[in-house]
């Protein structure tokens, strides 16, 4: 689990094709890896990956064909910036919201403009994901936990403060570029609970249906 509070802005150093999959060599930016080991989870621009061979300020991570197809990592190249977050521990503060690192789909930046000292970003996302995004709810964009300001159909806007623009890759995002979107876990589970399978529930509690 993650919180969507980015620890560092890293960089892709190398992409290595391995039989349909991809291995990334990444720099950790300013994030210390001295307590990390092979097998640890790390969110790379919102995608939960397994850290391999961490040494100094570099590590490797394998990306499956499925992940390459469903996320922006399929188009990543050497030199690209990525947002990094180590997995949550029980001692950490939950500063953002609960994030799984399982990307639901990709969205696109439609426009951005100044909003005081901050910037307002408007994104469009697939119709099947739009129902999970609510005004004043939470959404994860490229691994960054953000509060939704407004929702209009398949579009929504968020406000990025100067600190977020500076320390994450979102500051360099331009209209037309795609981003990884993870909707709020609570919305996902709430939909499942409300949908419910009444026949299954009845059978579990021994209800006589005759």
Protein backbone atom coordinates (compact mmCIF):
# COMPACT_ATOMS: atom_id res chain seq x y z
CA UNK A 1 0.00 0.00 0.00
CA UNK A 2 1.00 3.59 -0.63
CA UNK A 3 -0.30 7.05 0.26
CA UNK A 4 0.23 9.02 -2.94
CA UNK A 5 2.77 11.27 -1.19
CA UNK A 6 5.76 11.23 -3.56
CA UNK A 7 9.12 10.64 -1.87
CA UNK A 8 11.28 11.59 -4.82
CA UNK A 9 11.33 12.40 -8.50
CA UNK A 10 13.52 9.76 -10.09
CA UNK A 11 14.63 9.21 -13.66
CA UNK A 12 14.64 6.36 -16.13
CA UNK A 13 18.27 5.59 -16.90
CA UNK A 14 17.81 2.63 -19.24
CA UNK A 15 15.08 0.46 -20.76
CA UNK A 16 15.98 -3.18 -21.43
CA UNK A 17 13.69 -5.38 -23.55
CA UNK A 18 13.44 -8.93 -22.25
CA UNK A 19 11.25 -11.21 -24.36
CA UNK A 20 8.16 -9.02 -24.49
CA UNK A 21 8.67 -7.58 -20.99
CA UNK A 22 10.72 -4.58 -19.99
CA UNK A 23 13.35 -4.07 -17.31
CA UNK A 24 13.90 -0.50 -16.16
CA UNK A 25 17.05 0.88 -14.60
CA UNK A 26 16.09 3.88 -12.52
CA UNK A 27 17.73 6.53 -10.39
CA UNK A 28 16.09 7.24 -7.06
CA UNK A 29 16.62 10.99 -7.20
CA UNK A 30 17.05 12.23 -3.63
CA UNK A 31 15.48 9.15 -2.04
CA UNK A 32 17.74 6.99 0.11
CA UNK A 33 17.81 3.28 -0.72
CA UNK A 34 20.06 2.12 2.13
CA UNK A 35 17.16 0.40 3.91
CA UNK A 36 15.75 -1.18 0.73
CA UNK A 37 16.36 -4.65 -0.62
CA UNK A 38 15.36 -6.79 -3.58
CA UNK A 39 11.68 -7.67 -3.32
CA UNK A 40 10.51 -4.40 -1.78
CA UNK A 41 7.52 -2.69 -3.38
CA UNK A 42 7.89 0.74 -4.94
CA UNK A 43 5.39 2.89 -6.83
CA UNK A 44 6.82 4.22 -10.09
CA UNK A 45 4.52 6.96 -11.39
CA UNK A 46 1.67 5.24 -9.60
CA UNK A 47 2.49 1.68 -10.73
CA UNK A 48 3.40 -0.80 -8.00
CA UNK A 49 6.61 -2.58 -9.05
CA UNK A 50 9.10 -4.86 -7.33
CA UNK A 51 12.47 -3.32 -6.60
CA UNK A 52 15.45 -5.30 -7.86
CA UNK A 53 19.14 -4.92 -6.98
CA UNK A 54 19.00 -1.57 -5.17
CA UNK A 55 22.50 -0.17 -4.89
CA UNK A 56 23.56 3.37 -4.14
CA UNK A 57 21.01 5.61 -5.82
CA UNK A 58 19.92 3.11 -8.52
CA UNK A 59 17.66 0.08 -8.81
CA UNK A 60 16.00 -2.11 -11.41
CA UNK A 61 12.33 -3.03 -11.84
CA UNK A 62 10.61 -5.43 -14.22
CA UNK A 63 7.43 -4.36 -16.03
CA UNK A 64 5.13 -7.09 -17.36
CA UNK A 65 3.49 -7.02 -20.79
CA UNK A 66 0.10 -6.40 -19.10
CA UNK A 67 1.43 -3.36 -17.25
CA UNK A 68 3.11 -2.03 -20.39
CA UNK A 69 -0.23 -2.22 -22.17
CA UNK A 70 -2.37 -0.63 -19.44
CA UNK A 71 -0.10 2.14 -18.13
CA UNK A 72 2.13 4.93 -19.38
CA UNK A 73 5.19 2.77 -18.64
CA UNK A 74 4.61 1.24 -22.08
CA UNK A 75 5.90 4.47 -23.64
CA UNK A 76 8.62 5.30 -21.13
CA UNK A 77 12.13 6.05 -22.39
CA UNK A 78 15.55 6.85 -20.97
CA UNK A 79 15.63 10.35 -19.51
CA UNK A 80 11.96 10.45 -18.48
CA UNK A 81 11.10 11.63 -14.97
CA UNK A 82 9.07 9.33 -12.73
CA UNK A 83 7.44 9.81 -9.33
CA UNK A 84 8.70 7.39 -6.68
CA UNK A 85 7.15 6.28 -3.41
CA UNK A 86 8.24 3.44 -1.14
CA UNK A 87 5.55 1.19 0.30
CA UNK A 88 3.77 2.36 3.44
CA UNK A 89 4.90 1.08 6.84
CA UNK A 90 2.80 0.93 10.01
CA UNK A 91 4.90 3.78 11.46
CA UNK A 92 4.20 6.18 8.58
CA UNK A 93 1.71 9.02 8.58
CA UNK A 94 -1.17 8.59 6.15
CA UNK A 95 -0.80 12.02 4.59
CA UNK A 96 -2.61 11.33 1.31
CA UNK A 97 -5.09 8.48 0.95
CA UNK A 98 -4.88 4.69 0.62
CA UNK A 99 -3.34 3.84 -2.75
CA UNK A 100 -2.77 0.31 -4.04
CA UNK A 101 -0.49 1.06 -6.98
CA UNK A 102 -2.86 -0.89 -9.26
CA UNK A 103 -3.58 1.57 -12.06
CA UNK A 104 -7.21 1.59 -13.24
CA UNK A 105 -6.53 3.23 -16.59
CA UNK A 106 -4.94 6.14 -18.39
CA UNK A 107 -6.24 9.69 -18.66
CA UNK A 108 -5.10 12.74 -20.61
CA UNK A 109 -4.33 16.30 -19.61
CA UNK A 110 -6.73 18.60 -21.43
CA UNK A 111 -5.47 21.97 -20.22
CA UNK A 112 -3.67 23.73 -17.39
CA UNK A 113 -3.77 27.34 -16.25
CA UNK A 114 -2.66 29.51 -13.36
CA UNK A 115 -4.87 29.61 -10.29
CA UNK A 116 -3.22 32.06 -7.89
CA UNK A 117 0.22 30.66 -7.11
CA UNK A 118 -1.05 27.18 -7.95
CA UNK A 119 -2.10 25.66 -11.26
CA UNK A 120 -5.44 24.11 -12.21
CA UNK A 121 -5.17 20.92 -14.29
CA UNK A 122 -8.12 19.46 -16.19
CA UNK A 123 -8.02 15.78 -17.12
CA UNK A 124 -10.22 13.50 -19.18
CA UNK A 125 -10.56 9.83 -18.29
CA UNK A 126 -12.38 6.82 -19.77
CA UNK A 127 -16.15 6.72 -19.28
CA UNK A 128 -15.98 3.51 -17.23
CA UNK A 129 -13.79 5.26 -14.64
CA UNK A 130 -15.62 8.59 -14.51
CA UNK A 131 -18.27 7.31 -12.06
CA UNK A 132 -15.60 6.73 -9.41
CA UNK A 133 -14.40 10.36 -9.40
CA UNK A 134 -16.34 12.72 -7.14
CA UNK A 135 -15.98 16.38 -6.22
CA UNK A 136 -13.78 16.73 -3.10
CA UNK A 137 -12.91 13.04 -3.38
CA UNK A 138 -9.42 11.61 -3.87
CA UNK A 139 -7.70 10.48 -7.06
CA UNK A 140 -4.16 9.35 -7.81
CA UNK A 141 -2.45 10.79 -10.89
CA UNK A 142 0.95 9.33 -11.80
CA UNK A 143 1.29 8.28 -8.17
CA UNK A 144 0.34 11.67 -6.70
CA UNK A 145 -2.61 11.86 -4.29
CA UNK A 146 -4.82 14.82 -5.24
CA UNK A 147 -8.19 16.24 -4.26
CA UNK A 148 -10.77 16.55 -7.02
CA UNK A 149 -12.04 20.12 -7.40
CA UNK A 150 -14.73 19.82 -10.05
CA UNK A 151 -16.28 17.05 -12.15
CA UNK A 152 -18.03 17.50 -15.51
CA UNK A 153 -18.89 14.24 -17.26
CA UNK A 154 -15.64 12.44 -18.08
CA UNK A 155 -13.54 15.44 -17.12
CA UNK A 156 -12.32 16.57 -13.72
CA UNK A 157 -9.96 19.20 -12.40
CA UNK A 158 -7.38 19.29 -9.62
CA UNK A 159 -5.30 22.11 -8.18
CA UNK A 160 -1.55 21.65 -7.81
CA UNK A 161 0.31 23.80 -5.30
CA UNK A 162 3.85 25.06 -6.10
CA UNK A 163 5.44 22.35 -3.91
CA UNK A 164 3.74 19.55 -5.86
CA UNK A 165 4.64 21.16 -9.18
CA UNK A 166 8.27 21.34 -8.09
CA UNK A 167 8.86 17.88 -6.60
CA UNK A 168 6.78 15.70 -8.95
CA UNK A 169 6.77 15.03 -12.68
CA UNK A 170 3.34 16.68 -13.00
CA UNK A 171 4.98 20.10 -13.16
CA UNK A 172 6.30 19.31 -16.66
CA UNK A 173 3.06 17.73 -17.90
CA UNK A 174 1.67 19.27 -21.09
CA UNK A 175 -1.81 19.07 -22.68
CA UNK A 176 -2.24 15.88 -24.67
CA UNK A 177 0.07 13.78 -22.50
CA UNK A 178 -1.27 10.66 -20.82
CA UNK A 179 -1.15 9.88 -17.11
CA UNK A 180 -1.82 6.87 -14.91
CA UNK A 181 -5.10 7.08 -13.00
CA UNK A 182 -6.03 5.14 -9.86
CA UNK A 183 -9.47 5.89 -8.46
CA UNK A 184 -10.31 5.85 -4.76
CA UNK A 185 -10.34 2.33 -3.28
CA UNK A 186 -13.35 3.22 -1.13
CA UNK A 187 -15.41 4.01 -4.25
CA UNK A 188 -14.50 0.65 -5.77
CA UNK A 189 -15.51 -1.35 -2.69
CA UNK A 190 -18.65 0.71 -2.11
CA UNK A 191 -19.85 -0.05 -5.63
CA UNK A 192 -19.25 -3.77 -5.07
CA UNK A 193 -21.13 -3.73 -1.75
CA UNK A 194 -24.09 -1.85 -3.22
CA UNK A 195 -24.25 -4.16 -6.23
CA UNK A 196 -24.22 -7.22 -3.93
CA UNK A 197 -25.21 -10.77 -4.83
CA UNK A 198 -28.31 -11.26 -2.71
CA UNK A 199 -28.67 -14.93 -3.54
CA UNK A 200 -25.11 -15.65 -2.41
CA UNK A 201 -25.56 -13.63 0.76
CA UNK A 202 -28.78 -15.46 1.56
CA UNK A 203 -27.17 -18.84 1.10
CA UNK A 204 -24.32 -17.92 3.42
CA UNK A 205 -26.63 -17.03 6.29
CA UNK A 206 -28.93 -20.02 5.73
CA UNK A 207 -32.04 -18.17 4.57
CA UNK A 208 -34.86 -20.51 3.48
CA UNK A 209 -35.73 -19.33 -0.05
CA UNK A 210 -38.68 -21.77 -0.54
